[in-house]
């Protein structure tokens, strides 16, 4: 009986998915089947400059959705990520006992799982609820280095024109930034940065993929950046050119950073990669670079020994030296830690929104009170008269002595005067 019920539930779920897909396809279309919407994906490891490039595209009229992730101490200008989409991505990765630090080590068959199919449906629902039906769509999340196939499926199902835009930055600079921000060892941070690039290069090559060099872009003018975007066919049909150039110049001006120049094999290989003048490279050049650095014995070994680690935040510096029993304990404790961290992160976002709302309410209340407060009456002060005129006009009355007071102008007693005189004479002699 139980097996029969499970079979019925599977059949119901199958038809629910089919019905949902049909509804989604109809709701996402613009009414004109010949007009397709662009779906631009900003792809790159954490701390690699994806935020500034997303901000540049946002001024061109791309739709980022209604639910943007709020700014934070480590990114005060904002992450420019849709909070709902990032949450769905993170939930998918967590199903495979990974988090953002180890997302580059997802199992090879993750795309064939039921979880992947559920994720596609949830993301399609977000496109309906959080995005409008006319403007081109812009999505940014570092996890796209691994989850790009999910969006390739969505673009195919929803008749969207997929345009991946990859941003790369020196892996040493990325590792240094992650290590400082998240208190992760520099070794693990370097493995994290390279694992994102490795996962991206392991995906099938897409003909529309463009790879942009962050260190080159931040040194260009707004007009030059628009020329690059025009060549890569990611510009909208029309936009105010000069105003857009000025906005891009301001964005780039506030994002200039010093390039990390640590003399390591990885940084040397990266310098050779970006040695040309062009701010873009091909996907094949990127893949050759990643193959070169991952073939280095030390980095290759570090990548291998961290494949099964749930999170780098609690992984020891050399995991091979840890006994299996202790390693299992670390893994269990880390999973509990990751769950608590997710809860705290969600609470942090809620508190941030609450504080922002409270600040807005307080500002409105103060403005209302300032308008309702009565204006104090003006007090007229008499002019101070001139001192010379006052002394002439005002006569000081002579006070009459009271009955109990002794007049000071009475004649002195002769005997008393004589005693005082003798006393003063004696004092002078002494």
Protein backbone atom coordinates (compact mmCIF):
# COMPACT_ATOMS: atom_id res chain seq x y z
CA UNK A 1 0.00 0.00 0.00
CA UNK A 2 2.84 2.39 0.89
CA UNK A 3 4.63 1.67 -2.40
CA UNK A 4 1.42 2.37 -4.31
CA UNK A 5 0.94 5.72 -2.52
CA UNK A 6 4.55 6.70 -3.26
CA UNK A 7 3.97 5.88 -6.93
CA UNK A 8 0.84 8.06 -6.99
CA UNK A 9 2.78 10.93 -5.37
CA UNK A 10 5.52 10.68 -7.97
CA UNK A 11 2.96 10.77 -10.79
CA UNK A 12 1.27 13.82 -9.26
CA UNK A 13 4.60 15.56 -8.87
CA UNK A 14 5.50 14.83 -12.48
CA UNK A 15 2.32 16.42 -13.84
CA UNK A 16 2.69 19.38 -11.44
CA UNK A 17 6.12 20.06 -12.92
CA UNK A 18 4.86 19.83 -16.48
CA UNK A 19 1.94 22.16 -15.73
CA UNK A 20 4.24 24.60 -13.93
CA UNK A 21 6.65 24.70 -16.86
CA UNK A 22 3.87 25.47 -19.33
CA UNK A 23 2.53 28.28 -17.13
CA UNK A 24 6.01 29.72 -16.63
CA UNK A 25 6.72 29.73 -20.34
CA UNK A 26 3.50 31.62 -21.04
CA UNK A 27 4.04 34.13 -18.22
CA UNK A 28 7.63 34.93 -19.18
CA UNK A 29 6.93 35.63 -22.84
CA UNK A 30 6.44 39.26 -23.85
CA UNK A 31 3.66 38.59 -26.31
CA UNK A 32 5.93 38.98 -29.31
CA UNK A 33 7.53 35.61 -30.05
CA UNK A 34 10.06 37.19 -32.42
CA UNK A 35 11.42 39.51 -29.71
CA UNK A 36 13.73 37.74 -27.25
CA UNK A 37 15.01 39.15 -24.00
CA UNK A 38 18.68 39.10 -23.06
CA UNK A 39 19.81 37.24 -19.94
CA UNK A 40 23.25 38.55 -18.96
CA UNK A 41 25.10 36.61 -16.24
CA UNK A 42 28.02 38.26 -14.43
CA UNK A 43 30.33 35.39 -13.48
CA UNK A 44 33.49 35.46 -11.39
CA UNK A 45 34.96 34.40 -8.08
CA UNK A 46 34.28 36.34 -4.88
CA UNK A 47 36.25 39.61 -4.59
CA UNK A 48 37.09 39.65 -8.29
CA UNK A 49 35.35 42.89 -9.31
CA UNK A 50 31.98 41.48 -10.36
CA UNK A 51 30.10 44.07 -8.26
CA UNK A 52 31.54 47.09 -10.06
CA UNK A 53 30.84 45.57 -13.48
CA UNK A 54 27.25 44.75 -12.48
CA UNK A 55 26.81 48.32 -11.30
CA UNK A 56 28.04 49.56 -14.68
CA UNK A 57 25.48 47.44 -16.54
CA UNK A 58 22.71 48.48 -14.15
CA UNK A 59 22.95 52.11 -15.31
CA UNK A 60 22.27 50.87 -18.85
CA UNK A 61 18.78 49.75 -17.89
CA UNK A 62 19.25 46.08 -17.02
CA UNK A 63 16.78 44.63 -14.54
CA UNK A 64 18.33 43.21 -11.36
CA UNK A 65 15.00 42.30 -9.76
CA UNK A 66 13.15 43.80 -6.82
CA UNK A 67 14.92 41.97 -3.99
CA UNK A 68 18.49 43.23 -3.98
CA UNK A 69 20.89 42.15 -1.25
CA UNK A 70 21.61 45.09 1.11
CA UNK A 71 25.12 46.54 1.44
CA UNK A 72 27.48 45.24 4.11
CA UNK A 73 30.68 46.29 5.86
CA UNK A 74 32.80 44.41 3.32
CA UNK A 75 30.86 45.82 0.35
CA UNK A 76 29.40 49.20 1.39
CA UNK A 77 28.40 50.07 -2.20
CA UNK A 78 26.24 46.95 -2.40
CA UNK A 79 26.60 43.43 -3.74
CA UNK A 80 24.24 44.02 -6.70
CA UNK A 81 22.88 40.50 -6.25
CA UNK A 82 19.28 39.34 -6.15
CA UNK A 83 18.78 38.00 -2.65
CA UNK A 84 16.19 35.40 -3.66
CA UNK A 85 18.39 33.96 -6.41
CA UNK A 86 21.46 33.82 -4.16
CA UNK A 87 19.40 32.06 -1.49
CA UNK A 88 18.23 29.41 -3.98
CA UNK A 89 21.80 28.90 -5.22
CA UNK A 90 23.09 28.50 -1.68
CA UNK A 91 20.33 26.03 -0.83
CA UNK A 92 21.30 23.89 -3.82
CA UNK A 93 24.97 23.87 -2.79
CA UNK A 94 24.07 23.06 0.79
CA UNK A 95 22.18 19.94 -0.35
CA UNK A 96 25.57 18.53 -1.38
CA UNK A 97 27.13 19.42 2.01
CA UNK A 98 29.03 22.39 0.67
CA UNK A 99 28.95 26.15 1.22
CA UNK A 100 30.34 29.16 -0.65
CA UNK A 101 33.93 28.33 0.31
CA UNK A 102 33.78 24.82 -1.17
CA UNK A 103 31.19 25.28 -3.92
CA UNK A 104 33.90 24.66 -6.49
CA UNK A 105 34.02 21.00 -5.42
CA UNK A 106 30.44 19.96 -6.24
CA UNK A 107 30.07 16.33 -7.41
CA UNK A 108 30.28 15.86 -11.14
CA UNK A 109 26.71 14.50 -11.43
CA UNK A 110 24.97 17.25 -9.42
CA UNK A 111 23.10 18.52 -12.50
CA UNK A 112 21.29 15.15 -12.88
CA UNK A 113 19.80 15.28 -9.37
CA UNK A 114 16.20 16.07 -8.45
CA UNK A 115 17.56 19.00 -6.48
CA UNK A 116 18.82 20.60 -9.70
CA UNK A 117 15.39 20.25 -11.34
CA UNK A 118 13.71 21.79 -8.29
CA UNK A 119 16.19 24.65 -8.39
CA UNK A 120 15.34 25.39 -12.04
CA UNK A 121 11.65 25.66 -11.16
CA UNK A 122 12.30 27.90 -8.15
CA UNK A 123 14.50 30.23 -10.20
CA UNK A 124 11.90 30.45 -12.96
CA UNK A 125 9.36 31.45 -10.34
CA UNK A 126 11.67 34.26 -9.16
CA UNK A 127 11.99 35.52 -12.75
CA UNK A 128 8.20 35.83 -12.85
CA UNK A 129 7.72 37.44 -9.44
CA UNK A 130 10.81 39.65 -9.11
CA UNK A 131 11.56 40.83 -12.67
CA UNK A 132 9.54 42.82 -15.17
CA UNK A 133 8.63 41.38 -18.57
CA UNK A 134 10.34 43.88 -20.87
CA UNK A 135 13.83 44.92 -19.74
CA UNK A 136 16.84 42.66 -20.22
CA UNK A 137 17.71 40.56 -17.16
CA UNK A 138 20.99 40.93 -15.26
CA UNK A 139 22.05 38.35 -12.64
CA UNK A 140 25.25 38.30 -10.65
CA UNK A 141 26.43 35.65 -8.19
CA UNK A 142 29.91 34.11 -7.81
CA UNK A 143 28.24 30.70 -7.50
CA UNK A 144 27.43 30.96 -11.21
CA UNK A 145 30.98 29.67 -11.79
CA UNK A 146 29.55 26.28 -10.85
CA UNK A 147 25.82 26.76 -11.51
CA UNK A 148 25.94 28.16 -15.05
CA UNK A 149 24.33 24.96 -16.47
CA UNK A 150 21.21 25.70 -14.41
CA UNK A 151 20.77 29.01 -16.21
CA UNK A 152 21.55 27.51 -19.59
CA UNK A 153 18.55 25.24 -19.01
CA UNK A 154 16.39 28.18 -17.93
CA UNK A 155 17.38 30.27 -20.95
CA UNK A 156 16.55 27.41 -23.30
CA UNK A 157 13.17 26.75 -21.68
CA UNK A 158 12.19 30.41 -21.47
CA UNK A 159 13.49 31.47 -24.91
CA UNK A 160 16.00 33.91 -23.40
CA UNK A 161 19.22 34.96 -25.12
CA UNK A 162 21.96 33.89 -22.69
CA UNK A 163 25.06 36.13 -22.56
CA UNK A 164 27.59 35.05 -19.92
CA UNK A 165 30.12 37.74 -19.00
CA UNK A 166 33.13 36.43 -17.04
CA UNK A 167 35.21 38.78 -14.86
CA UNK A 168 38.68 37.63 -13.81
CA UNK A 169 41.16 39.16 -11.38
CA UNK A 170 44.54 37.99 -10.14
CA UNK A 171 43.90 34.85 -8.02
CA UNK A 172 46.52 36.09 -5.54
CA UNK A 173 44.65 39.39 -5.12
CA UNK A 174 41.36 37.52 -4.75
CA UNK A 175 42.86 35.14 -2.17
CA UNK A 176 44.37 38.00 -0.15
CA UNK A 177 41.04 39.84 -0.08
CA UNK A 178 39.07 36.74 0.96
CA UNK A 179 41.64 35.84 3.61
CA UNK A 180 41.38 39.29 5.21
CA UNK A 181 37.61 39.53 4.98
CA UNK A 182 36.66 36.04 6.18
CA UNK A 183 39.62 35.15 8.40
CA UNK A 184 40.54 32.16 6.22
CA UNK A 185 44.12 31.00 5.84
CA UNK A 186 45.80 32.33 2.72
CA UNK A 187 46.36 28.77 1.48
CA UNK A 188 42.67 27.90 1.69
CA UNK A 189 41.70 31.28 0.19
CA UNK A 190 44.00 30.62 -2.77
CA UNK A 191 42.48 27.16 -3.28
CA UNK A 192 39.00 28.73 -3.04
CA UNK A 193 39.77 31.32 -5.75
CA UNK A 194 41.34 28.77 -8.11
CA UNK A 195 38.56 26.22 -7.52
CA UNK A 196 35.95 28.70 -8.80
CA UNK A 197 37.94 29.24 -12.00
CA UNK A 198 38.57 25.52 -12.38
CA UNK A 199 34.86 24.70 -12.02
CA UNK A 200 34.02 27.36 -14.60
CA UNK A 201 36.57 26.06 -17.12
CA UNK A 202 35.36 22.49 -16.67
CA UNK A 203 31.99 23.52 -18.12
CA UNK A 204 31.29 23.16 -21.86
CA UNK A 205 32.45 26.15 -23.87
CA UNK A 206 29.75 28.68 -24.79
CA UNK A 207 30.22 30.60 -28.01
CA UNK A 208 28.80 33.84 -26.52
CA UNK A 209 31.11 33.87 -23.48
CA UNK A 210 33.22 36.99 -22.96
CA UNK A 211 36.12 37.15 -20.46
CA UNK A 212 36.92 40.63 -19.10
CA UNK A 213 40.12 41.47 -17.19
CA UNK A 214 39.32 43.47 -14.06
CA UNK A 215 42.73 45.17 -13.81
CA UNK A 216 42.32 46.50 -17.36
CA UNK A 217 38.70 47.66 -17.02
CA UNK A 218 39.23 49.84 -13.91
CA UNK A 219 41.86 51.86 -15.78
CA UNK A 220 39.61 52.71 -18.74
CA UNK A 221 37.27 55.64 -19.34
CA UNK A 222 33.50 55.27 -19.49
CA UNK A 223 33.39 55.67 -23.27
CA UNK A 224 36.01 52.94 -23.78
CA UNK A 225 34.03 50.56 -21.57
CA UNK A 226 30.89 51.22 -23.60
CA UNK A 227 32.84 50.45 -26.78
CA UNK A 228 33.86 47.07 -25.31
CA UNK A 229 30.30 46.29 -24.27
CA UNK A 230 29.11 47.25 -27.75
CA UNK A 231 31.55 44.85 -29.40
CA UNK A 232 30.37 42.09 -27.05
CA UNK A 233 26.72 42.83 -27.91
CA UNK A 234 25.60 43.49 -24.35
CA UNK A 235 24.43 47.09 -24.84
CA UNK A 236 20.72 48.01 -24.92
CA UNK A 237 19.20 49.47 -28.06
CA UNK A 238 19.15 53.07 -26.80
CA UNK A 239 20.42 54.96 -23.77
CA UNK A 240 21.63 58.50 -22.91
CA UNK A 241 25.27 58.19 -23.99
CA UNK A 242 26.98 61.14 -22.28
CA UNK A 243 25.07 60.76 -19.01
CA UNK A 244 25.92 57.05 -18.97
CA UNK A 245 29.61 57.77 -19.63
CA UNK A 246 29.71 60.18 -16.69
CA UNK A 247 28.08 57.63 -14.37
CA UNK A 248 30.52 54.90 -15.41
CA UNK A 249 33.47 57.25 -14.84
CA UNK A 250 32.27 57.86 -11.28
CA UNK A 251 31.84 54.13 -10.64
CA UNK A 252 35.32 53.29 -11.94
CA UNK A 253 36.92 56.22 -10.12
CA UNK A 254 35.77 54.92 -6.74
CA UNK A 255 36.84 51.33 -7.47
CA UNK A 256 40.48 51.69 -8.44
CA UNK A 257 42.62 49.28 -6.44
CA UNK A 258 46.25 48.29 -6.29
CA UNK A 259 47.08 45.07 -8.09
CA UNK A 260 48.52 42.32 -5.93
CA UNK A 261 52.08 41.63 -7.15
CA UNK A 262 53.23 38.80 -4.90
CA UNK A 263 56.00 36.86 -6.68
CA UNK A 264 54.30 33.47 -6.85
CA UNK A 265 53.93 31.01 -9.73
CA UNK A 266 50.20 31.82 -9.88
CA UNK A 267 50.74 35.58 -10.06
CA UNK A 268 53.50 35.18 -12.64
CA UNK A 269 51.23 33.09 -14.85
CA UNK A 270 48.46 35.66 -14.49
CA UNK A 271 50.76 38.51 -15.50
CA UNK A 272 51.67 36.61 -18.64
CA UNK A 273 47.96 36.11 -19.34
CA UNK A 274 47.07 39.82 -19.14
CA UNK A 275 50.31 41.07 -20.66
CA UNK A 276 48.51 42.18 -23.81
CA UNK A 277 46.84 45.56 -24.10
CA UNK A 278 43.34 44.20 -24.74
CA UNK A 279 40.95 44.28 -21.73
CA UNK A 280 39.36 41.00 -22.85
CA UNK A 281 40.61 37.48 -23.54
CA UNK A 282 39.05 34.40 -25.04
CA UNK A 283 37.60 31.55 -23.04
CA UNK A 284 40.28 29.25 -24.45
CA UNK A 285 42.99 31.55 -23.09
CA UNK A 286 41.36 31.48 -19.68
CA UNK A 287 41.15 27.69 -19.77
CA UNK A 288 44.84 27.42 -20.71
CA UNK A 289 45.76 29.68 -17.78
CA UNK A 290 43.72 27.62 -15.29
CA UNK A 291 45.20 24.38 -16.62
CA UNK A 292 48.69 25.84 -16.19
CA UNK A 293 48.28 26.90 -12.55
CA UNK A 294 46.34 23.79 -11.49
CA UNK A 295 49.08 21.57 -12.91
CA UNK A 296 51.59 22.97 -10.41
CA UNK A 297 52.39 20.20 -7.93
CA UNK A 298 51.76 22.16 -4.72
CA UNK A 299 48.47 23.76 -5.80
CA UNK A 300 47.30 20.51 -7.41
CA UNK A 301 47.87 18.66 -4.13
CA UNK A 302 46.04 21.36 -2.14
CA UNK A 303 43.07 21.13 -4.48
CA UNK A 304 42.92 17.34 -4.17
CA UNK A 305 43.11 17.12 -0.37
CA UNK A 306 40.30 19.70 0.04
CA UNK A 307 37.81 18.11 -2.35
CA UNK A 308 35.70 16.55 0.43
CA UNK A 309 35.93 19.40 2.94
CA UNK A 310 32.50 20.95 3.69
CA UNK A 311 33.91 24.37 4.52
CA UNK A 312 37.30 26.07 4.62
CA UNK A 313 36.33 28.09 7.68
CA UNK A 314 37.12 25.14 9.97
CA UNK A 315 39.41 23.02 7.79
CA UNK A 316 42.93 22.50 9.17
CA UNK A 317 45.92 23.82 7.24
CA UNK A 318 47.00 20.30 6.25
CA UNK A 319 43.97 18.01 6.28
CA UNK A 320 46.04 14.93 5.48
CA UNK A 321 47.64 14.94 8.93
CA UNK A 322 44.28 14.72 10.75
CA UNK A 323 43.12 11.23 11.87
CA UNK A 324 39.87 10.03 10.31
CA UNK A 325 38.00 10.01 13.63
CA UNK A 326 38.94 13.61 14.32
CA UNK A 327 38.14 14.57 10.73
CA UNK A 328 34.62 13.13 11.06
CA UNK A 329 34.12 15.18 14.21
CA UNK A 330 35.30 18.32 12.40
CA UNK A 331 32.89 17.67 9.54
CA UNK A 332 29.93 17.18 11.91
CA UNK A 333 30.77 20.28 13.91
CA UNK A 334 31.24 22.28 10.74
CA UNK A 335 27.80 21.32 9.41
CA UNK A 336 26.22 22.56 12.63
CA UNK A 337 28.30 25.72 12.39
CA UNK A 338 27.19 26.34 8.80
CA UNK A 339 23.52 25.95 9.78
CA UNK A 340 23.91 28.43 12.62
CA UNK A 341 25.77 30.80 10.32
CA UNK A 342 22.92 30.66 7.78
CA UNK A 343 20.41 31.51 10.52
CA UNK A 344 22.57 34.41 11.74
CA UNK A 345 22.99 35.69 8.19
CA UNK A 346 19.24 35.67 7.63
CA UNK A 347 18.71 37.44 10.96
CA UNK A 348 21.33 40.01 9.99
CA UNK A 349 19.51 40.82 6.74
CA UNK A 350 16.20 41.14 8.61
CA UNK A 351 17.73 43.43 11.23
CA UNK A 352 19.35 45.55 8.52
CA UNK A 353 15.99 46.07 6.83
CA UNK A 354 14.31 46.81 10.19
CA UNK A 355 16.95 49.38 11.11
CA UNK A 356 16.63 51.02 7.71
CA UNK A 357 12.84 51.18 8.09
CA UNK A 358 13.16 52.61 11.61
CA UNK A 359 15.58 55.29 10.44
CA UNK A 360 13.13 56.27 7.70
CA UNK A 361 10.19 56.39 10.15
CA UNK A 362 12.17 58.44 12.68
CA UNK A 363 13.19 60.88 9.97
CA UNK A 364 9.57 61.33 8.89
CA UNK A 365 8.41 61.78 12.51
CA UNK A 366 11.08 64.40 13.16
CA UNK A 367 10.08 66.26 10.00
CA UNK A 368 6.40 66.15 11.03
CA UNK A 369 7.18 67.39 14.56
CA UNK A 370 9.28 70.20 13.16
CA UNK A 371 6.34 71.32 11.00
CA UNK A 372 3.82 71.07 13.90
CA UNK A 373 5.97 72.82 16.51
CA UNK A 374 4.58 76.36 17.34
CA UNK A 375 6.75 79.31 16.41
CA UNK A 376 7.87 81.19 19.59
CA UNK A 377 6.54 84.78 19.79
CA UNK A 378 9.03 87.46 18.96
CA UNK A 379 10.07 89.60 21.97
CA UNK A 380 10.73 93.28 21.35
CA UNK A 381 13.70 94.57 23.32
CA UNK A 382 13.81 98.25 24.17
CA UNK A 383 16.96 100.00 22.97
CA UNK A 384 19.58 100.56 25.64
CA UNK A 385 19.87 104.28 26.34
CA UNK A 386 23.18 106.09 26.10
CA UNK A 387 25.15 106.15 29.35
CA UNK A 388 25.83 109.92 29.18
CA UNK A 389 22.17 110.73 28.68
CA UNK A 390 21.16 108.45 31.55
CA UNK A 391 23.56 110.06 33.97
CA UNK A 392 22.18 113.47 33.09
CA UNK A 393 18.50 112.58 33.24
CA UNK A 394 18.41 110.26 36.27
CA UNK A 395 19.03 111.80 39.67
CA UNK A 396 19.98 109.48 42.49
CA UNK A 397 17.68 110.13 45.47
CA UNK A 398 19.35 110.71 48.86
CA UNK A 399 18.33 108.01 51.29
CA UNK A 400 16.94 109.32 54.57
CA UNK A 401 18.51 107.75 57.70
CA UNK A 402 16.26 105.43 59.60
CA UNK A 403 15.50 105.89 63.27
CA UNK A 404 17.70 103.01 64.47
CA UNK A 405 20.73 104.06 62.46
CA UNK A 406 23.41 106.22 64.00
CA UNK A 407 24.26 109.27 61.96
CA UNK A 408 27.79 109.23 60.68
CA UNK A 409 28.24 113.01 60.75
CA UNK A 410 27.86 113.46 64.53
CA UNK A 411 30.74 115.20 66.40
CA UNK A 412 33.28 112.95 68.03
CA UNK A 413 33.71 112.61 71.80
CA UNK A 414 36.77 114.64 72.90
CA UNK A 415 37.88 111.98 75.40
CA UNK A 416 37.70 109.27 72.80
CA UNK A 417 39.62 111.33 70.31
CA UNK A 418 42.35 111.94 72.83
CA UNK A 419 42.71 108.22 73.65
CA UNK A 420 42.94 107.34 69.95
CA UNK A 421 45.61 110.00 69.43
CA UNK A 422 47.72 108.70 72.36
CA UNK A 423 47.38 105.11 71.08
CA UNK A 424 48.59 106.05 67.61
CA UNK A 425 51.56 107.87 69.07
CA UNK A 426 52.52 104.86 71.18
CA UNK A 427 52.33 102.55 68.13
CA UNK A 428 54.59 104.87 66.15
CA UNK A 429 57.22 104.84 68.92
CA UNK A 430 57.23 101.07 69.05
